[in-house]
Amino acid sequence: IPDSLGKFLPADATNPIVISTKTAE
């Protein structure tokens, strides 16, 4: 995960999700 594209499930976020660039597209 590049710094410009967030973090891996940050603790201070509510219901975070991590997806791939392909899924985002």
mmCIF file of all heavy atoms, coordinates in Angstrom:
data_MODEL
# 
_entry.id   MODEL 
# 
loop_
_atom_site.group_PDB 
_atom_site.id 
_atom_site.type_symbol 
_atom_site.label_atom_id 
_atom_site.label_alt_id 
_atom_site.label_comp_id 
_atom_site.label_asym_id 
_atom_site.label_entity_id 
_atom_site.label_seq_id 
_atom_site.pdbx_PDB_ins_code 
_atom_site.Cartn_x 
_atom_site.Cartn_y 
_atom_site.Cartn_z 
_atom_site.occupancy 
_atom_site.B_iso_or_equiv 
_atom_site.pdbx_formal_charge 
_atom_site.auth_seq_id 
_atom_site.auth_comp_id 
_atom_site.auth_asym_id 
_atom_site.auth_atom_id 
_atom_site.pdbx_PDB_model_num 
ATOM 1   N N   . ILE A 1 1  ? 0.858   -1.192 0.000   1.00 0.00 ? 1  ILE A N   1 
ATOM 2   C CA  . ILE A 1 1  ? 0.000   0.000  0.000   1.00 0.00 ? 1  ILE A CA  1 
ATOM 3   C C   . ILE A 1 1  ? 0.892   1.239  0.000   1.00 0.00 ? 1  ILE A C   1 
ATOM 4   O O   . ILE A 1 1  ? 1.596   1.501  0.982   1.00 0.00 ? 1  ILE A O   1 
ATOM 5   C CB  . ILE A 1 1  ? -0.927  0.030  1.226   1.00 0.00 ? 1  ILE A CB  1 
ATOM 6   C CG1 . ILE A 1 1  ? -1.788  -1.240 1.276   1.00 0.00 ? 1  ILE A CG1 1 
ATOM 7   C CG2 . ILE A 1 1  ? -1.815  1.264  1.199   1.00 0.00 ? 1  ILE A CG2 1 
ATOM 8   C CD1 . ILE A 1 1  ? -2.651  -1.336 2.535   1.00 0.00 ? 1  ILE A CD1 1 
ATOM 9   N N   . PRO A 1 2  ? 0.908   2.032  -1.076  1.00 0.00 ? 2  PRO A N   1 
ATOM 10  C CA  . PRO A 1 2  ? 1.719   3.256  -1.089  1.00 0.00 ? 2  PRO A CA  1 
ATOM 11  C C   . PRO A 1 2  ? 1.208   4.249  -0.047  1.00 0.00 ? 2  PRO A C   1 
ATOM 12  O O   . PRO A 1 2  ? 0.037   4.219  0.346   1.00 0.00 ? 2  PRO A O   1 
ATOM 13  C CB  . PRO A 1 2  ? 1.516   3.795  -2.521  1.00 0.00 ? 2  PRO A CB  1 
ATOM 14  C CG  . PRO A 1 2  ? 0.952   2.656  -3.302  1.00 0.00 ? 2  PRO A CG  1 
ATOM 15  C CD  . PRO A 1 2  ? 0.187   1.812  -2.338  1.00 0.00 ? 2  PRO A CD  1 
ATOM 16  N N   . ASP A 1 3  ? 2.102   5.126  0.403   1.00 0.00 ? 3  ASP A N   1 
ATOM 17  C CA  . ASP A 1 3  ? 1.712   6.124  1.403   1.00 0.00 ? 3  ASP A CA  1 
ATOM 18  C C   . ASP A 1 3  ? 0.560   6.989  0.910   1.00 0.00 ? 3  ASP A C   1 
ATOM 19  O O   . ASP A 1 3  ? -0.269  7.450  1.717   1.00 0.00 ? 3  ASP A O   1 
ATOM 20  C CB  . ASP A 1 3  ? 2.915   7.018  1.736   1.00 0.00 ? 3  ASP A CB  1 
ATOM 21  C CG  . ASP A 1 3  ? 4.004   6.252  2.482   1.00 0.00 ? 3  ASP A CG  1 
ATOM 22  O OD1 . ASP A 1 3  ? 3.666   5.211  3.083   1.00 0.00 ? 3  ASP A OD1 1 
ATOM 23  O OD2 . ASP A 1 3  ? 5.166   6.682  2.438   1.00 0.00 ? 3  ASP A OD2 1 
ATOM 24  N N   . SER A 1 4  ? 0.491   7.186  -0.404  1.00 0.00 ? 4  SER A N   1 
ATOM 25  C CA  . SER A 1 4  ? -0.560  8.039  -0.967  1.00 0.00 ? 4  SER A CA  1 
ATOM 26  C C   . SER A 1 4  ? -1.916  7.344  -1.037  1.00 0.00 ? 4  SER A C   1 
ATOM 27  O O   . SER A 1 4  ? -2.936  7.976  -1.330  1.00 0.00 ? 4  SER A O   1 
ATOM 28  C CB  . SER A 1 4  ? -0.165  8.503  -2.369  1.00 0.00 ? 4  SER A CB  1 
ATOM 29  O OG  . SER A 1 4  ? 0.038   7.378  -3.220  1.00 0.00 ? 4  SER A OG  1 
ATOM 30  N N   . LEU A 1 5  ? -1.910  6.017  -0.791  1.00 0.00 ? 5  LEU A N   1 
ATOM 31  C CA  . LEU A 1 5  ? -3.161  5.253  -0.900  1.00 0.00 ? 5  LEU A CA  1 
ATOM 32  C C   . LEU A 1 5  ? -3.588  4.644  0.433   1.00 0.00 ? 5  LEU A C   1 
ATOM 33  O O   . LEU A 1 5  ? -4.206  3.580  0.480   1.00 0.00 ? 5  LEU A O   1 
ATOM 34  C CB  . LEU A 1 5  ? -3.019  4.162  -1.965  1.00 0.00 ? 5  LEU A CB  1 
ATOM 35  C CG  . LEU A 1 5  ? -2.862  4.659  -3.409  1.00 0.00 ? 5  LEU A CG  1 
ATOM 36  C CD1 . LEU A 1 5  ? -2.693  3.498  -4.373  1.00 0.00 ? 5  LEU A CD1 1 
ATOM 37  C CD2 . LEU A 1 5  ? -4.060  5.518  -3.824  1.00 0.00 ? 5  LEU A CD2 1 
ATOM 38  N N   . GLY A 1 6  ? -3.264  5.320  1.523   1.00 0.00 ? 6  GLY A N   1 
ATOM 39  C CA  . GLY A 1 6  ? -3.799  4.930  2.821   1.00 0.00 ? 6  GLY A CA  1 
ATOM 40  C C   . GLY A 1 6  ? -2.940  3.976  3.599   1.00 0.00 ? 6  GLY A C   1 
ATOM 41  O O   . GLY A 1 6  ? -1.745  3.806  3.352   1.00 0.00 ? 6  GLY A O   1 
ATOM 42  N N   . LYS A 1 7  ? -3.572  3.283  4.554   1.00 0.00 ? 7  LYS A N   1 
ATOM 43  C CA  . LYS A 1 7  ? -2.904  2.348  5.440   1.00 0.00 ? 7  LYS A CA  1 
ATOM 44  C C   . LYS A 1 7  ? -3.706  1.059  5.545   1.00 0.00 ? 7  LYS A C   1 
ATOM 45  O O   . LYS A 1 7  ? -4.852  0.987  5.109   1.00 0.00 ? 7  LYS A O   1 
ATOM 46  C CB  . LYS A 1 7  ? -2.719  2.969  6.835   1.00 0.00 ? 7  LYS A CB  1 
ATOM 47  C CG  . LYS A 1 7  ? -1.828  4.208  6.853   1.00 0.00 ? 7  LYS A CG  1 
ATOM 48  C CD  . LYS A 1 7  ? -1.689  4.749  8.277   1.00 0.00 ? 7  LYS A CD  1 
ATOM 49  C CE  . LYS A 1 7  ? -0.792  5.967  8.300   1.00 0.00 ? 7  LYS A CE  1 
ATOM 50  N NZ  . LYS A 1 7  ? -0.650  6.511  9.675   1.00 0.00 ? 7  LYS A NZ  1 
ATOM 51  N N   . PHE A 1 8  ? -3.084  0.061  6.174   1.00 0.00 ? 8  PHE A N   1 
ATOM 52  C CA  . PHE A 1 8  ? -3.733  -1.238 6.317   1.00 0.00 ? 8  PHE A CA  1 
ATOM 53  C C   . PHE A 1 8  ? -4.586  -1.249 7.586   1.00 0.00 ? 8  PHE A C   1 
ATOM 54  O O   . PHE A 1 8  ? -4.082  -1.409 8.692   1.00 0.00 ? 8  PHE A O   1 
ATOM 55  C CB  . PHE A 1 8  ? -2.688  -2.352 6.372   1.00 0.00 ? 8  PHE A CB  1 
ATOM 56  C CG  . PHE A 1 8  ? -3.261  -3.736 6.349   1.00 0.00 ? 8  PHE A CG  1 
ATOM 57  C CD1 . PHE A 1 8  ? -3.678  -4.316 5.164   1.00 0.00 ? 8  PHE A CD1 1 
ATOM 58  C CD2 . PHE A 1 8  ? -3.385  -4.475 7.517   1.00 0.00 ? 8  PHE A CD2 1 
ATOM 59  C CE1 . PHE A 1 8  ? -4.207  -5.600 5.138   1.00 0.00 ? 8  PHE A CE1 1 
ATOM 60  C CE2 . PHE A 1 8  ? -3.912  -5.759 7.509   1.00 0.00 ? 8  PHE A CE2 1 
ATOM 61  C CZ  . PHE A 1 8  ? -4.323  -6.315 6.314   1.00 0.00 ? 8  PHE A CZ  1 
ATOM 62  N N   . LEU A 1 9  ? -5.885  -1.042 7.410   1.00 0.00 ? 9  LEU A N   1 
ATOM 63  C CA  . LEU A 1 9  ? -6.860  -1.115 8.493   1.00 0.00 ? 9  LEU A CA  1 
ATOM 64  C C   . LEU A 1 9  ? -6.422  -0.326 9.730   1.00 0.00 ? 9  LEU A C   1 
ATOM 65  O O   . LEU A 1 9  ? -6.169  -0.897 10.802  1.00 0.00 ? 9  LEU A O   1 
ATOM 66  C CB  . LEU A 1 9  ? -7.121  -2.585 8.884   1.00 0.00 ? 9  LEU A CB  1 
ATOM 67  C CG  . LEU A 1 9  ? -7.593  -3.509 7.752   1.00 0.00 ? 9  LEU A CG  1 
ATOM 68  C CD1 . LEU A 1 9  ? -7.691  -4.948 8.236   1.00 0.00 ? 9  LEU A CD1 1 
ATOM 69  C CD2 . LEU A 1 9  ? -8.923  -3.038 7.188   1.00 0.00 ? 9  LEU A CD2 1 
ATOM 70  N N   . PRO A 1 10 ? -6.322  1.000  9.602   1.00 0.00 ? 10 PRO A N   1 
ATOM 71  C CA  . PRO A 1 10 ? -5.875  1.827  10.740  1.00 0.00 ? 10 PRO A CA  1 
ATOM 72  C C   . PRO A 1 10 ? -6.799  1.692  11.943  1.00 0.00 ? 10 PRO A C   1 
ATOM 73  O O   . PRO A 1 10 ? -8.019  1.580  11.816  1.00 0.00 ? 10 PRO A O   1 
ATOM 74  C CB  . PRO A 1 10 ? -5.898  3.245  10.164  1.00 0.00 ? 10 PRO A CB  1 
ATOM 75  C CG  . PRO A 1 10 ? -6.829  3.176  8.993   1.00 0.00 ? 10 PRO A CG  1 
ATOM 76  C CD  . PRO A 1 10 ? -6.680  1.809  8.424   1.00 0.00 ? 10 PRO A CD  1 
ATOM 77  N N   . ALA A 1 11 ? -6.205  1.703  13.138  1.00 0.00 ? 11 ALA A N   1 
ATOM 78  C CA  . ALA A 1 11 ? -6.956  1.478  14.374  1.00 0.00 ? 11 ALA A CA  1 
ATOM 79  C C   . ALA A 1 11 ? -7.929  2.602  14.682  1.00 0.00 ? 11 ALA A C   1 
ATOM 80  O O   . ALA A 1 11 ? -8.952  2.381  15.351  1.00 0.00 ? 11 ALA A O   1 
ATOM 81  C CB  . ALA A 1 11 ? -5.978  1.292  15.537  1.00 0.00 ? 11 ALA A CB  1 
ATOM 82  N N   . ASP A 1 12 ? -7.644  3.811  14.219  1.00 0.00 ? 12 ASP A N   1 
ATOM 83  C CA  . ASP A 1 12 ? -8.498  4.948  14.555  1.00 0.00 ? 12 ASP A CA  1 
ATOM 84  C C   . ASP A 1 12 ? -9.635  5.165  13.561  1.00 0.00 ? 12 ASP A C   1 
ATOM 85  O O   . ASP A 1 12 ? -10.373 6.144  13.649  1.00 0.00 ? 12 ASP A O   1 
ATOM 86  C CB  . ASP A 1 12 ? -7.650  6.221  14.640  1.00 0.00 ? 12 ASP A CB  1 
ATOM 87  C CG  . ASP A 1 12 ? -6.901  6.514  13.339  1.00 0.00 ? 12 ASP A CG  1 
ATOM 88  O OD1 . ASP A 1 12 ? -6.905  5.639  12.436  1.00 0.00 ? 12 ASP A OD1 1 
ATOM 89  O OD2 . ASP A 1 12 ? -6.306  7.607  13.229  1.00 0.00 ? 12 ASP A OD2 1 
ATOM 90  N N   . ALA A 1 13 ? -9.798  4.236  12.612  1.00 0.00 ? 13 ALA A N   1 
ATOM 91  C CA  . ALA A 1 13 ? -10.859 4.373  11.600  1.00 0.00 ? 13 ALA A CA  1 
ATOM 92  C C   . ALA A 1 13 ? -12.057 3.506  11.975  1.00 0.00 ? 13 ALA A C   1 
ATOM 93  O O   . ALA A 1 13 ? -11.922 2.457  12.603  1.00 0.00 ? 13 ALA A O   1 
ATOM 94  C CB  . ALA A 1 13 ? -10.341 3.983  10.229  1.00 0.00 ? 13 ALA A CB  1 
ATOM 95  N N   . THR A 1 14 ? -13.247 3.942  11.560  1.00 0.00 ? 14 THR A N   1 
ATOM 96  C CA  . THR A 1 14 ? -14.478 3.187  11.799  1.00 0.00 ? 14 THR A CA  1 
ATOM 97  C C   . THR A 1 14 ? -14.805 2.346  10.576  1.00 0.00 ? 14 THR A C   1 
ATOM 98  O O   . THR A 1 14 ? -14.912 2.865  9.464   1.00 0.00 ? 14 THR A O   1 
ATOM 99  C CB  . THR A 1 14 ? -15.651 4.141  12.087  1.00 0.00 ? 14 THR A CB  1 
ATOM 100 O OG1 . THR A 1 14 ? -15.329 4.951  13.228  1.00 0.00 ? 14 THR A OG1 1 
ATOM 101 C CG2 . THR A 1 14 ? -16.927 3.362  12.355  1.00 0.00 ? 14 THR A CG2 1 
ATOM 102 N N   . ASN A 1 15 ? -14.955 1.043  10.789  1.00 0.00 ? 15 ASN A N   1 
ATOM 103 C CA  . ASN A 1 15 ? -15.252 0.103  9.706   1.00 0.00 ? 15 ASN A CA  1 
ATOM 104 C C   . ASN A 1 15 ? -14.370 0.341  8.468   1.00 0.00 ? 15 ASN A C   1 
ATOM 105 O O   . ASN A 1 15 ? -14.858 0.579  7.364   1.00 0.00 ? 15 ASN A O   1 
ATOM 106 C CB  . ASN A 1 15 ? -16.728 0.212  9.311   1.00 0.00 ? 15 ASN A CB  1 
ATOM 107 C CG  . ASN A 1 15 ? -17.616 -0.623 10.209  1.00 0.00 ? 15 ASN A CG  1 
ATOM 108 O OD1 . ASN A 1 15 ? -17.229 -0.990 11.307  1.00 0.00 ? 15 ASN A OD1 1 
ATOM 109 N ND2 . ASN A 1 15 ? -18.829 -0.906 9.745   1.00 0.00 ? 15 ASN A ND2 1 
ATOM 110 N N   . PRO A 1 16 ? -13.055 0.239  8.626   1.00 0.00 ? 16 PRO A N   1 
ATOM 111 C CA  . PRO A 1 16 ? -12.179 0.410  7.464   1.00 0.00 ? 16 PRO A CA  1 
ATOM 112 C C   . PRO A 1 16 ? -12.161 -0.851 6.605   1.00 0.00 ? 16 PRO A C   1 
ATOM 113 O O   . PRO A 1 16 ? -12.392 -1.966 7.105   1.00 0.00 ? 16 PRO A O   1 
ATOM 114 C CB  . PRO A 1 16 ? -10.814 0.653  8.103   1.00 0.00 ? 16 PRO A CB  1 
ATOM 115 C CG  . PRO A 1 16 ? -10.868 -0.140 9.367   1.00 0.00 ? 16 PRO A CG  1 
ATOM 116 C CD  . PRO A 1 16 ? -12.287 -0.024 9.855   1.00 0.00 ? 16 PRO A CD  1 
ATOM 117 N N   . ILE A 1 17 ? -11.878 -0.699 5.343   1.00 0.00 ? 17 ILE A N   1 
ATOM 118 C CA  . ILE A 1 17 ? -11.709 -1.829 4.426   1.00 0.00 ? 17 ILE A CA  1 
ATOM 119 C C   . ILE A 1 17 ? -10.528 -1.530 3.520   1.00 0.00 ? 17 ILE A C   1 
ATOM 120 O O   . ILE A 1 17 ? -10.290 -0.370 3.157   1.00 0.00 ? 17 ILE A O   1 
ATOM 121 C CB  . ILE A 1 17 ? -12.991 -2.091 3.598   1.00 0.00 ? 17 ILE A CB  1 
ATOM 122 C CG1 . ILE A 1 17 ? -12.845 -3.397 2.789   1.00 0.00 ? 17 ILE A CG1 1 
ATOM 123 C CG2 . ILE A 1 17 ? -13.309 -0.915 2.680   1.00 0.00 ? 17 ILE A CG2 1 
ATOM 124 C CD1 . ILE A 1 17 ? -14.145 -3.846 2.121   1.00 0.00 ? 17 ILE A CD1 1 
ATOM 125 N N   . VAL A 1 18 ? -9.786  -2.557 3.198   1.00 0.00 ? 18 VAL A N   1 
ATOM 126 C CA  . VAL A 1 18 ? -8.638  -2.423 2.294   1.00 0.00 ? 18 VAL A CA  1 
ATOM 127 C C   . VAL A 1 18 ? -8.947  -3.233 1.038   1.00 0.00 ? 18 VAL A C   1 
ATOM 128 O O   . VAL A 1 18 ? -9.255  -4.427 1.123   1.00 0.00 ? 18 VAL A O   1 
ATOM 129 C CB  . VAL A 1 18 ? -7.339  -2.927 2.959   1.00 0.00 ? 18 VAL A CB  1 
ATOM 130 C CG1 . VAL A 1 18 ? -6.198  -2.925 1.950   1.00 0.00 ? 18 VAL A CG1 1 
ATOM 131 C CG2 . VAL A 1 18 ? -6.996  -2.062 4.156   1.00 0.00 ? 18 VAL A CG2 1 
ATOM 132 N N   . ILE A 1 19 ? -8.872  -2.583 -0.106  1.00 0.00 ? 19 ILE A N   1 
ATOM 133 C CA  . ILE A 1 19 ? -9.172  -3.231 -1.383  1.00 0.00 ? 19 ILE A CA  1 
ATOM 134 C C   . ILE A 1 19 ? -7.972  -3.057 -2.318  1.00 0.00 ? 19 ILE A C   1 
ATOM 135 O O   . ILE A 1 19 ? -7.029  -2.331 -2.012  1.00 0.00 ? 19 ILE A O   1 
ATOM 136 C CB  . ILE A 1 19 ? -10.442 -2.642 -2.025  1.00 0.00 ? 19 ILE A CB  1 
ATOM 137 C CG1 . ILE A 1 19 ? -10.211 -1.168 -2.409  1.00 0.00 ? 19 ILE A CG1 1 
ATOM 138 C CG2 . ILE A 1 19 ? -11.639 -2.785 -1.088  1.00 0.00 ? 19 ILE A CG2 1 
ATOM 139 C CD1 . ILE A 1 19 ? -11.378 -0.548 -3.148  1.00 0.00 ? 19 ILE A CD1 1 
ATOM 140 N N   . SER A 1 20 ? -8.020  -3.710 -3.468  1.00 0.00 ? 20 SER A N   1 
ATOM 141 C CA  . SER A 1 20 ? -6.926  -3.602 -4.434  1.00 0.00 ? 20 SER A CA  1 
ATOM 142 C C   . SER A 1 20 ? -7.208  -2.508 -5.451  1.00 0.00 ? 20 SER A C   1 
ATOM 143 O O   . SER A 1 20 ? -8.337  -2.018 -5.576  1.00 0.00 ? 20 SER A O   1 
ATOM 144 C CB  . SER A 1 20 ? -6.743  -4.936 -5.171  1.00 0.00 ? 20 SER A CB  1 
ATOM 145 O OG  . SER A 1 20 ? -7.852  -5.177 -6.033  1.00 0.00 ? 20 SER A OG  1 
ATOM 146 N N   . THR A 1 21 ? -6.190  -2.136 -6.193  1.00 0.00 ? 21 THR A N   1 
ATOM 147 C CA  . THR A 1 21 ? -6.358  -1.129 -7.250  1.00 0.00 ? 21 THR A CA  1 
ATOM 148 C C   . THR A 1 21 ? -7.315  -1.636 -8.325  1.00 0.00 ? 21 THR A C   1 
ATOM 149 O O   . THR A 1 21 ? -8.091  -0.852 -8.878  1.00 0.00 ? 21 THR A O   1 
ATOM 150 C CB  . THR A 1 21 ? -5.001  -0.790 -7.888  1.00 0.00 ? 21 THR A CB  1 
ATOM 151 O OG1 . THR A 1 21 ? -4.359  -2.001 -8.320  1.00 0.00 ? 21 THR A OG1 1 
ATOM 152 C CG2 . THR A 1 21 ? -4.100  -0.084 -6.903  1.00 0.00 ? 21 THR A CG2 1 
ATOM 153 N N   . LYS A 1 22 ? -7.257  -2.942 -8.603  1.00 0.00 ? 22 LYS A N   1 
ATOM 154 C CA  . LYS A 1 22 ? -8.155  -3.502 -9.616  1.00 0.00 ? 22 LYS A CA  1 
ATOM 155 C C   . LYS A 1 22 ? -9.612  -3.412 -9.173  1.00 0.00 ? 22 LYS A C   1 
ATOM 156 O O   . LYS A 1 22 ? -10.502 -3.089 -9.966  1.00 0.00 ? 22 LYS A O   1 
ATOM 157 C CB  . LYS A 1 22 ? -7.778  -4.954 -9.925  1.00 0.00 ? 22 LYS A CB  1 
ATOM 158 C CG  . LYS A 1 22 ? -6.490  -5.093 -10.734 1.00 0.00 ? 22 LYS A CG  1 
ATOM 159 C CD  . LYS A 1 22 ? -6.259  -6.533 -11.118 1.00 0.00 ? 22 LYS A CD  1 
ATOM 160 C CE  . LYS A 1 22 ? -5.046  -6.660 -12.040 1.00 0.00 ? 22 LYS A CE  1 
ATOM 161 N NZ  . LYS A 1 22 ? -5.284  -6.015 -13.347 1.00 0.00 ? 22 LYS A NZ  1 
ATOM 162 N N   . THR A 1 23 ? -9.870  -3.724 -7.898  1.00 0.00 ? 23 THR A N   1 
ATOM 163 C CA  . THR A 1 23 ? -11.232 -3.622 -7.377  1.00 0.00 ? 23 THR A CA  1 
ATOM 164 C C   . THR A 1 23 ? -11.693 -2.176 -7.369  1.00 0.00 ? 23 THR A C   1 
ATOM 165 O O   . THR A 1 23 ? -12.859 -1.878 -7.706  1.00 0.00 ? 23 THR A O   1 
ATOM 166 C CB  . THR A 1 23 ? -11.303 -4.201 -5.953  1.00 0.00 ? 23 THR A CB  1 
ATOM 167 O OG1 . THR A 1 23 ? -10.883 -5.574 -5.977  1.00 0.00 ? 23 THR A OG1 1 
ATOM 168 C CG2 . THR A 1 23 ? -12.712 -4.130 -5.394  1.00 0.00 ? 23 THR A CG2 1 
ATOM 169 N N   . ALA A 1 24 ? -10.801 -1.263 -7.005  1.00 0.00 ? 24 ALA A N   1 
ATOM 170 C CA  . ALA A 1 24 ? -11.148 0.163  -7.010  1.00 0.00 ? 24 ALA A CA  1 
ATOM 171 C C   . ALA A 1 24 ? -11.507 0.636  -8.415  1.00 0.00 ? 24 ALA A C   1 
ATOM 172 O O   . ALA A 1 24 ? -12.445 1.423  -8.605  1.00 0.00 ? 24 ALA A O   1 
ATOM 173 C CB  . ALA A 1 24 ? -9.978  0.976  -6.457  1.00 0.00 ? 24 ALA A CB  1 
ATOM 174 N N   . GLU A 1 25 ? -10.780 0.139  -9.405  1.00 0.00 ? 25 GLU A N   1 
ATOM 175 C CA  . GLU A 1 25 ? -11.073 0.524  -10.786 1.00 0.00 ? 25 GLU A CA  1 
ATOM 176 C C   . GLU A 1 25 ? -12.436 -0.008 -11.235 1.00 0.00 ? 25 GLU A C   1 
ATOM 177 O O   . GLU A 1 25 ? -13.195 0.684  -11.904 1.00 0.00 ? 25 GLU A O   1 
ATOM 178 C CB  . GLU A 1 25 ? -9.977  -0.006 -11.712 1.00 0.00 ? 25 GLU A CB  1 
ATOM 179 C CG  . GLU A 1 25 ? -8.636  0.709  -11.545 1.00 0.00 ? 25 GLU A CG  1 
ATOM 180 C CD  . GLU A 1 25 ? -7.521  0.018  -12.296 1.00 0.00 ? 25 GLU A CD  1 
ATOM 181 O OE1 . GLU A 1 25 ? -7.806  -1.010 -12.974 1.00 0.00 ? 25 GLU A OE1 1 
ATOM 182 O OE2 . GLU A 1 25 ? -6.358  0.482  -12.221 1.00 0.00 ? 25 GLU A OE2 1 
# 
